[in-house]
Amino acid sequence: MLNATIPVVNRLGLHARAAAQLVKLASGFQSSLVLSRSDRSASANAKSILNILTLAAVHGTELEIVADGEDEALAIAAIQDLFARRFGED
């Protein structure tokens, strides 16, 4: 099991289009992927758009991603890259 902290840096936060990109990416990995707010107020399966939207992760929110499975390192690296690229928004 691996984990990493990811800041939401895109201006619009983790809205529907960004969440859809995340789900598409996460679904390509065998590992289970869970996103949690750093304040532990909510967590979500990264392969479910409805779960992700319940995080209400606006710009500046710190999220923790936990990956568990044989491709966990690749999954975390890919998700970190998606967030770093600001979901292609700005």
Protein backbone atom coordinates (compact mmCIF):
# COMPACT_ATOMS: atom_id res chain seq x y z
CA MET A 1 0.00 0.00 0.00
CA LEU A 2 1.28 3.45 -0.97
CA ASN A 3 -0.05 6.91 -0.30
CA ALA A 4 0.64 10.47 -1.35
CA THR A 5 -0.72 13.93 -0.66
CA ILE A 6 -1.99 15.85 -3.67
CA PRO A 7 -3.04 19.51 -3.65
CA VAL A 8 -5.91 20.53 -5.92
CA VAL A 9 -4.16 23.23 -7.93
CA ASN A 10 -6.50 23.80 -10.85
CA ARG A 11 -8.61 26.93 -10.58
CA LEU A 12 -11.98 25.16 -10.81
CA GLY A 13 -11.18 22.38 -8.35
CA LEU A 14 -12.24 18.77 -8.78
CA HIS A 15 -15.43 19.47 -10.76
CA ALA A 16 -17.30 17.08 -13.06
CA ARG A 17 -14.98 17.23 -16.08
CA ALA A 18 -11.84 16.88 -13.98
CA ALA A 19 -13.45 14.08 -11.97
CA ALA A 20 -14.32 12.27 -15.21
CA GLN A 21 -10.67 12.47 -16.30
CA LEU A 22 -9.58 11.11 -12.94
CA VAL A 23 -12.05 8.21 -13.10
CA LYS A 24 -10.94 7.33 -16.63
CA LEU A 25 -7.30 7.29 -15.54
CA ALA A 26 -7.92 5.44 -12.25
CA SER A 27 -10.07 2.79 -13.94
CA GLY A 28 -7.06 1.74 -16.01
CA PHE A 29 -5.28 0.42 -12.92
CA GLN A 30 -5.91 -2.80 -11.05
CA SER A 31 -5.08 -1.27 -7.67
CA SER A 32 -7.80 0.04 -5.42
CA LEU A 33 -7.56 3.83 -5.24
CA VAL A 34 -9.11 5.92 -2.48
CA LEU A 35 -9.02 9.71 -2.22
CA SER A 36 -9.54 11.36 1.16
CA ARG A 37 -9.72 14.99 2.23
CA SER A 38 -6.79 15.83 4.47
CA ASP A 39 -9.24 16.76 7.26
CA ARG A 40 -10.68 13.22 6.99
CA SER A 41 -14.20 14.62 6.51
CA ALA A 42 -14.80 12.57 3.35
CA SER A 43 -13.25 9.83 1.26
CA ALA A 44 -14.04 8.46 -2.18
CA ASN A 45 -13.33 5.57 -4.50
CA ALA A 46 -11.24 7.19 -7.27
CA LYS A 47 -12.96 4.97 -9.83
CA SER A 48 -16.41 6.46 -9.11
CA ILE A 49 -17.32 9.92 -10.38
CA LEU A 50 -20.18 10.28 -7.91
CA ASN A 51 -17.88 9.41 -5.01
CA ILE A 52 -15.27 11.92 -6.19
CA LEU A 53 -17.80 14.73 -6.51
CA THR A 54 -18.88 14.22 -2.89
CA LEU A 55 -15.39 15.33 -1.82
CA ALA A 56 -16.27 18.91 -2.86
CA ALA A 57 -12.56 19.49 -3.46
CA VAL A 58 -12.10 23.12 -4.45
CA HIS A 59 -8.86 24.85 -5.36
CA GLY A 60 -6.41 24.52 -2.47
CA THR A 61 -7.91 21.36 -0.98
CA GLU A 62 -5.32 18.79 0.11
CA LEU A 63 -6.22 15.23 -0.82
CA GLU A 64 -4.54 12.00 0.17
CA ILE A 65 -4.54 9.15 -2.31
CA VAL A 66 -4.07 5.60 -1.10
CA ALA A 67 -3.30 2.90 -3.65
CA ASP A 68 -3.25 -0.79 -2.89
CA GLY A 69 -2.37 -3.40 -5.48
CA GLU A 70 0.28 -4.60 -7.86
CA ASP A 71 0.40 -1.39 -9.92
CA GLU A 72 0.05 1.02 -7.00
CA ALA A 73 3.25 2.97 -7.71
CA LEU A 74 2.28 3.55 -11.33
CA ALA A 75 -1.24 4.57 -10.32
CA ILE A 76 -0.06 7.17 -7.81
CA ALA A 77 2.50 8.59 -10.24
CA ALA A 78 -0.11 8.90 -13.00
CA ILE A 79 -2.63 10.59 -10.70
CA GLN A 80 -0.01 12.98 -9.34
CA ASP A 81 0.86 13.90 -12.93
CA LEU A 82 -2.80 14.53 -13.82
CA PHE A 83 -3.18 16.87 -10.84
CA ALA A 84 0.16 18.60 -11.59
CA ARG A 85 -1.00 19.24 -15.17
CA ARG A 86 -4.12 20.87 -13.67
CA PHE A 87 -6.34 18.51 -15.67
CA GLY A 88 -5.32 20.46 -18.78
CA GLU A 89 -7.33 23.49 -17.67
CA ASP A 90 -4.89 26.31 -17.04
